[in-house]
Every structure is written in structure tokens, then in C-alpha cells.
C-alpha atoms as a PDB file:
ATOM      1  CA  UNK A   1      46.401 -30.510  10.336  1.00  0.00           C
ATOM      2  CA  UNK A   2      45.293 -34.154   8.158  1.00  0.00           C
ATOM      3  CA  UNK A   3      47.968 -36.755   7.984  1.00  0.00           C
ATOM      4  CA  UNK A   4      47.601 -36.286   4.105  1.00  0.00           C
ATOM      5  CA  UNK A   5      48.867 -32.958   4.302  1.00  0.00           C
ATOM      6  CA  UNK A   6      51.853 -33.952   6.656  1.00  0.00           C
ATOM      7  CA  UNK A   7      53.566 -36.334   4.172  1.00  0.00           C
ATOM      8  CA  UNK A   8      56.422 -35.293   2.687  1.00  0.00           C
ATOM      9  CA  UNK A   9      56.689 -35.492  -1.127  1.00  0.00           C
ATOM     10  CA  UNK A  10      60.195 -34.359  -3.254  1.00  0.00           C
ATOM     11  CA  UNK A  11      58.844 -32.375  -6.331  1.00  0.00           C
ATOM     12  CA  UNK A  12      59.748 -33.001  -9.880  1.00  0.00           C
ATOM     13  CA  UNK A  13      61.772 -30.150 -10.305  1.00  0.00           C
ATOM     14  CA  UNK A  14      63.657 -30.850  -7.158  1.00  0.00           C
ATOM     15  CA  UNK A  15      63.168 -29.908  -3.198  1.00  0.00           C
ATOM     16  CA  UNK A  16      60.303 -30.216  -1.374  1.00  0.00           C
ATOM     17  CA  UNK A  17      56.655 -30.722  -2.484  1.00  0.00           C
ATOM     18  CA  UNK A  18      54.628 -29.652   0.461  1.00  0.00           C
ATOM     19  CA  UNK A  19      51.781 -30.949   0.671  1.00  0.00           C
ATOM     20  CA  UNK A  20      50.664 -28.763   3.149  1.00  0.00           C
ATOM     21  CA  UNK A  21      50.392 -25.964   0.595  1.00  0.00           C
ATOM     22  CA  UNK A  22      47.071 -27.840  -0.968  1.00  0.00           C
ATOM     23  CA  UNK A  23      45.578 -27.948   1.902  1.00  0.00           C
ATOM     24  CA  UNK A  24      42.189 -26.610   1.719  1.00  0.00           C
ATOM     25  CA  UNK A  25      41.915 -27.984  -2.245  1.00  0.00           C
ATOM     26  CA  UNK A  26      39.933 -30.329  -3.591  1.00  0.00           C
ATOM     27  CA  UNK A  27      42.864 -32.840  -5.275  1.00  0.00           C
ATOM     28  CA  UNK A  28      42.635 -35.871  -7.856  1.00  0.00           C
ATOM     29  CA  UNK A  29      45.919 -37.310  -7.082  1.00  0.00           C
ATOM     30  CA  UNK A  30      47.228 -39.846 -10.156  1.00  0.00           C
ATOM     31  CA  UNK A  31      49.924 -42.089 -10.786  1.00  0.00           C
ATOM     32  CA  UNK A  32      50.950 -41.290 -13.965  1.00  0.00           C
ATOM     33  CA  UNK A  33      53.614 -42.928 -16.837  1.00  0.00           C
ATOM     34  CA  UNK A  34      54.967 -41.460 -19.559  1.00  0.00           C
ATOM     35  CA  UNK A  35      55.257 -44.578 -21.773  1.00  0.00           C
ATOM     36  CA  UNK A  36      51.934 -46.219 -21.347  1.00  0.00           C
ATOM     37  CA  UNK A  37      48.632 -46.697 -23.419  1.00  0.00           C
ATOM     38  CA  UNK A  38      46.807 -44.417 -21.234  1.00  0.00           C
ATOM     39  CA  UNK A  39      50.058 -41.664 -20.988  1.00  0.00           C
ATOM     40  CA  UNK A  40      47.161 -39.683 -23.571  1.00  0.00           C
ATOM     41  CA  UNK A  41      45.078 -38.409 -20.264  1.00  0.00           C
ATOM     42  CA  UNK A  42      47.604 -36.348 -19.507  1.00  0.00           C
ATOM     43  CA  UNK A  43      46.251 -33.990 -21.916  1.00  0.00           C
ATOM     44  CA  UNK A  44      42.459 -34.528 -20.213  1.00  0.00           C
ATOM     45  CA  UNK A  45      44.435 -34.191 -16.572  1.00  0.00           C
ATOM     46  CA  UNK A  46      45.252 -31.433 -17.431  1.00  0.00           C
ATOM     47  CA  UNK A  47      42.471 -29.680 -19.047  1.00  0.00           C
ATOM     48  CA  UNK A  48      40.756 -30.966 -15.728  1.00  0.00           C
ATOM     49  CA  UNK A  49      42.915 -28.856 -13.684  1.00  0.00           C
ATOM     50  CA  UNK A  50      42.717 -25.982 -15.952  1.00  0.00           C
ATOM     51  CA  UNK A  51      38.866 -26.129 -15.235  1.00  0.00           C
ATOM     52  CA  UNK A  52      38.344 -26.439 -12.321  1.00  0.00           C
ATOM     53  CA  UNK A  53      41.593 -24.253 -10.625  1.00  0.00           C
ATOM     54  CA  UNK A  54      40.051 -21.304  -9.900  1.00  0.00           C
ATOM     55  CA  UNK A  55      37.139 -23.333  -7.583  1.00  0.00           C
ATOM     56  CA  UNK A  56      40.453 -24.737  -5.403  1.00  0.00           C
ATOM     57  CA  UNK A  57      41.170 -27.883  -7.407  1.00  0.00           C
ATOM     58  CA  UNK A  58      44.004 -29.287  -8.657  1.00  0.00           C
ATOM     59  CA  UNK A  59      45.759 -32.830 -10.224  1.00  0.00           C
ATOM     60  CA  UNK A  60      49.037 -33.765  -8.289  1.00  0.00           C
ATOM     61  CA  UNK A  61      51.020 -36.221 -10.666  1.00  0.00           C
ATOM     62  CA  UNK A  62      52.786 -39.208  -9.053  1.00  0.00           C
ATOM     63  CA  UNK A  63      55.179 -40.565 -11.651  1.00  0.00           C
ATOM     64  CA  UNK A  64      55.780 -44.296 -10.962  1.00  0.00           C
ATOM     65  CA  UNK A  65      57.914 -47.382 -12.384  1.00  0.00           C
ATOM     66  CA  UNK A  66      56.379 -50.362 -11.222  1.00  0.00           C
ATOM     67  CA  UNK A  67      54.267 -50.874 -14.088  1.00  0.00           C
ATOM     68  CA  UNK A  68      56.512 -52.782 -16.786  1.00  0.00           C
ATOM     69  CA  UNK A  69      58.788 -49.993 -16.331  1.00  0.00           C
ATOM     70  CA  UNK A  70      56.733 -47.511 -18.145  1.00  0.00           C
ATOM     71  CA  UNK A  71      58.114 -44.380 -16.540  1.00  0.00           C
ATOM     72  CA  UNK A  72      61.883 -45.481 -16.662  1.00  0.00           C
ATOM     73  CA  UNK A  73      63.808 -41.806 -17.320  1.00  0.00           C
ATOM     74  CA  UNK A  74      64.986 -39.404 -14.599  1.00  0.00           C
ATOM     75  CA  UNK A  75      63.142 -36.877 -13.234  1.00  0.00           C
ATOM     76  CA  UNK A  76      64.098 -34.113 -15.895  1.00  0.00           C
ATOM     77  CA  UNK A  77      63.463 -35.998 -18.524  1.00  0.00           C
ATOM     78  CA  UNK A  78      59.562 -36.439 -17.392  1.00  0.00           C
ATOM     79  CA  UNK A  79      59.370 -32.803 -16.274  1.00  0.00           C
ATOM     80  CA  UNK A  80      60.466 -32.189 -20.130  1.00  0.00           C
ATOM     81  CA  UNK A  81      58.325 -34.752 -21.725  1.00  0.00           C
ATOM     82  CA  UNK A  82      55.084 -33.404 -19.726  1.00  0.00           C
ATOM     83  CA  UNK A  83      55.617 -29.503 -20.473  1.00  0.00           C
ATOM     84  CA  UNK A  84      56.720 -30.133 -24.334  1.00  0.00           C
ATOM     85  CA  UNK A  85      53.879 -32.879 -25.093  1.00  0.00           C
ATOM     86  CA  UNK A  86      50.821 -31.858 -22.636  1.00  0.00           C
ATOM     87  CA  UNK A  87      52.096 -28.324 -21.106  1.00  0.00           C
ATOM     88  CA  UNK A  88      51.317 -29.756 -17.856  1.00  0.00           C
ATOM     89  CA  UNK A  89      51.210 -26.767 -15.438  1.00  0.00           C
ATOM     90  CA  UNK A  90      49.591 -29.000 -12.451  1.00  0.00           C
ATOM     91  CA  UNK A  91      52.296 -30.022  -9.696  1.00  0.00           C
ATOM     92  CA  UNK A  92      54.287 -33.434 -10.128  1.00  0.00           C
ATOM     93  CA  UNK A  93      56.212 -35.697  -7.298  1.00  0.00           C
ATOM     94  CA  UNK A  94      59.709 -37.106  -8.617  1.00  0.00           C
ATOM     95  CA  UNK A  95      58.694 -40.734  -8.802  1.00  0.00           C
ATOM     96  CA  UNK A  96      58.112 -42.905  -6.036  1.00  0.00           C
ATOM     97  CA  UNK A  97      56.663 -46.279  -5.627  1.00  0.00           C
ATOM     98  CA  UNK A  98      52.755 -47.131  -5.175  1.00  0.00           C
ATOM     99  CA  UNK A  99      52.974 -50.785  -4.368  1.00  0.00           C
ATOM    100  CA  UNK A 100      55.322 -53.233  -2.550  1.00  0.00           C
ATOM    101  CA  UNK A 101      57.719 -53.191   0.528  1.00  0.00           C
ATOM    102  CA  UNK A 102      58.999 -49.201  -0.462  1.00  0.00           C
ATOM    103  CA  UNK A 103      55.669 -47.844  -1.234  1.00  0.00           C
ATOM    104  CA  UNK A 104      55.479 -44.538  -1.009  1.00  0.00           C
ATOM    105  CA  UNK A 105      53.605 -43.016   2.513  1.00  0.00           C
ATOM    106  CA  UNK A 106      51.723 -41.836   0.446  1.00  0.00           C
ATOM    107  CA  UNK A 107      50.410 -44.303  -0.736  1.00  0.00           C
ATOM    108  CA  UNK A 108      50.344 -46.387   2.271  1.00  0.00           C
ATOM    109  CA  UNK A 109      47.944 -43.571   3.521  1.00  0.00           C
ATOM    110  CA  UNK A 110      45.717 -43.770   0.056  1.00  0.00           C
ATOM    111  CA  UNK A 111      45.311 -47.582  -0.354  1.00  0.00           C
ATOM    112  CA  UNK A 112      47.147 -49.242   2.420  1.00  0.00           C
ATOM    113  CA  UNK A 113      45.888 -51.280   5.455  1.00  0.00           C
ATOM    114  CA  UNK A 114      43.304 -49.019   6.958  1.00  0.00           C
ATOM    115  CA  UNK A 115      42.817 -46.641   4.334  1.00  0.00           C
ATOM    116  CA  UNK A 116      39.183 -45.722   2.877  1.00  0.00           C
ATOM    117  CA  UNK A 117      39.958 -47.618  -0.455  1.00  0.00           C
ATOM    118  CA  UNK A 118      42.788 -50.354  -0.001  1.00  0.00           C
ATOM    119  CA  UNK A 119      44.309 -52.455  -2.020  1.00  0.00           C
ATOM    120  CA  UNK A 120      47.314 -52.306  -4.566  1.00  0.00           C
ATOM    121  CA  UNK A 121      47.451 -49.784  -7.644  1.00  0.00           C
ATOM    122  CA  UNK A 122      46.568 -51.877 -10.741  1.00  0.00           C
ATOM    123  CA  UNK A 123      48.023 -49.775 -12.923  1.00  0.00           C
ATOM    124  CA  UNK A 124      49.405 -46.337 -14.423  1.00  0.00           C
ATOM    125  CA  UNK A 125      46.933 -43.780 -13.975  1.00  0.00           C
ATOM    126  CA  UNK A 126      44.744 -44.949 -11.249  1.00  0.00           C
ATOM    127  CA  UNK A 127      43.197 -42.529  -9.560  1.00  0.00           C
ATOM    128  CA  UNK A 128      41.992 -40.891  -5.923  1.00  0.00           C
ATOM    129  CA  UNK A 129      40.068 -37.948  -5.262  1.00  0.00           C
ATOM    130  CA  UNK A 130      40.631 -35.743  -1.967  1.00  0.00           C
ATOM    131  CA  UNK A 131      38.611 -33.711  -0.105  1.00  0.00           C
ATOM    132  CA  UNK A 132      40.274 -30.350   1.347  1.00  0.00           C
ATOM    133  CA  UNK A 133      40.375 -31.542   4.734  1.00  0.00           C
ATOM    134  CA  UNK A 134      42.831 -34.314   3.165  1.00  0.00           C
ATOM    135  CA  UNK A 135      40.214 -37.129   3.510  1.00  0.00           C
ATOM    136  CA  UNK A 136      40.225 -39.778   0.613  1.00  0.00           C
ATOM    137  CA  UNK A 137      36.466 -39.443  -1.141  1.00  0.00           C
ATOM    138  CA  UNK A 138      36.967 -41.898  -3.870  1.00  0.00           C
ATOM    139  CA  UNK A 139      39.369 -44.209  -6.065  1.00  0.00           C
ATOM    140  CA  UNK A 140      39.014 -44.664 -10.114  1.00  0.00           C
ATOM    141  CA  UNK A 141      40.565 -47.249 -12.200  1.00  0.00           C
ATOM    142  CA  UNK A 142      43.296 -46.641 -14.758  1.00  0.00           C
ATOM    143  CA  UNK A 143      41.152 -46.635 -17.489  1.00  0.00           C
ATOM    144  CA  UNK A 144      38.818 -44.191 -16.270  1.00  0.00           C
ATOM    145  CA  UNK A 145      38.991 -41.193 -18.075  1.00  0.00           C
ATOM    146  CA  UNK A 146      39.823 -37.534 -16.470  1.00  0.00           C
ATOM    147  CA  UNK A 147      36.332 -36.652 -18.119  1.00  0.00           C
ATOM    148  CA  UNK A 148      34.201 -39.273 -16.743  1.00  0.00           C
ATOM    149  CA  UNK A 149      30.810 -38.274 -16.167  1.00  0.00           C
ATOM    150  CA  UNK A 150      30.842 -40.050 -12.482  1.00  0.00           C
ATOM    151  CA  UNK A 151      34.842 -38.724 -11.740  1.00  0.00           C
ATOM    152  CA  UNK A 152      33.667 -34.993 -12.879  1.00  0.00           C
ATOM    153  CA  UNK A 153      30.220 -35.580 -10.738  1.00  0.00           C
ATOM    154  CA  UNK A 154      32.444 -36.452  -7.845  1.00  0.00           C
ATOM    155  CA  UNK A 155      34.892 -33.091  -8.102  1.00  0.00           C
ATOM    156  CA  UNK A 156      31.754 -31.055  -8.481  1.00  0.00           C
ATOM    157  CA  UNK A 157      30.233 -32.295  -4.997  1.00  0.00           C
ATOM    158  CA  UNK A 158      33.531 -31.736  -3.270  1.00  0.00           C
ATOM    159  CA  UNK A 159      34.314 -28.494  -4.488  1.00  0.00           C
ATOM    160  CA  UNK A 160      30.774 -27.638  -3.022  1.00  0.00           C
END
């Protein structure tokens, strides 16, 4: 099993969100926030999730409050917002740190020293494409929209 799938993450709704259940899927891992100028990307992320779900694809949303305090609410409030405003059905974790000394193990793997695409996360809605085997295939900037041609092509290639 890949190191990616062994990382422990807490679910937004409470309890564990075992990444082992996502093994064999292509994932778009995104640090998200509810009060960001990029928050409307939730709608396109949900559409992407629905479009490719049957082919073994999922978005994985990871709320983070490290950028200008744009995710200040508790998990229950975040879940209610995502559900009511964007009908989010993809898996989401509880809030976690993506940078700094408290960087979550998942982000140490995605962007830490020795990662395929190392470097601090620049802002909310930075995206990592992860293959079925847990290998990171690409990194996309926060302003790269979920329906961006290069991102869609990378997802299509990963799903082959």
C-alpha cells in the first residue's frame, strides 16, 4: 500500500476518513476555505466529482484556515455551508494545516521535502492530482479552475 493511502485523516463529520478507502481512485486533493474569493470553485469541484466518479475519480476536500483566516468556522458549520451552498458530496476532512511546523502528514507527503512537487502551499484551492497508486501526478495553482483544460487532460490521462 502506498504511503499516501496510509496517512490518517479525520473526517469533517467526525471519526476517521481512511484514505485506504480511496485506494484505486484518481484523486484531486484540494485545500479549501469557505470565505475565500476562490470559494466558488466548490461548484466546479462538485461537477468534476460527479462527472468522473463512475470512472474511479474523487475530489478530496481539506479545509484549512492558514490563509487570511478564511476558514474560521467549526467542522459542523463548514459541512452545513458546503452542503447548502454547493451540494458537496465528495469526501472532506476536518480542518488541517498545510504549511508550517504543524503541517499535516498528508501535506508533508504532497508538498514537503522529498515530494514530487515540493514547496509551501500558496493559497486556498491549491490542487494535487494523485494517481490510483497514491503517486502525486501533478500540482495546480489555486487560480487553476477545476474545469481548466490542462487539469481535465491530466485527469483523463490518469483515468486511462
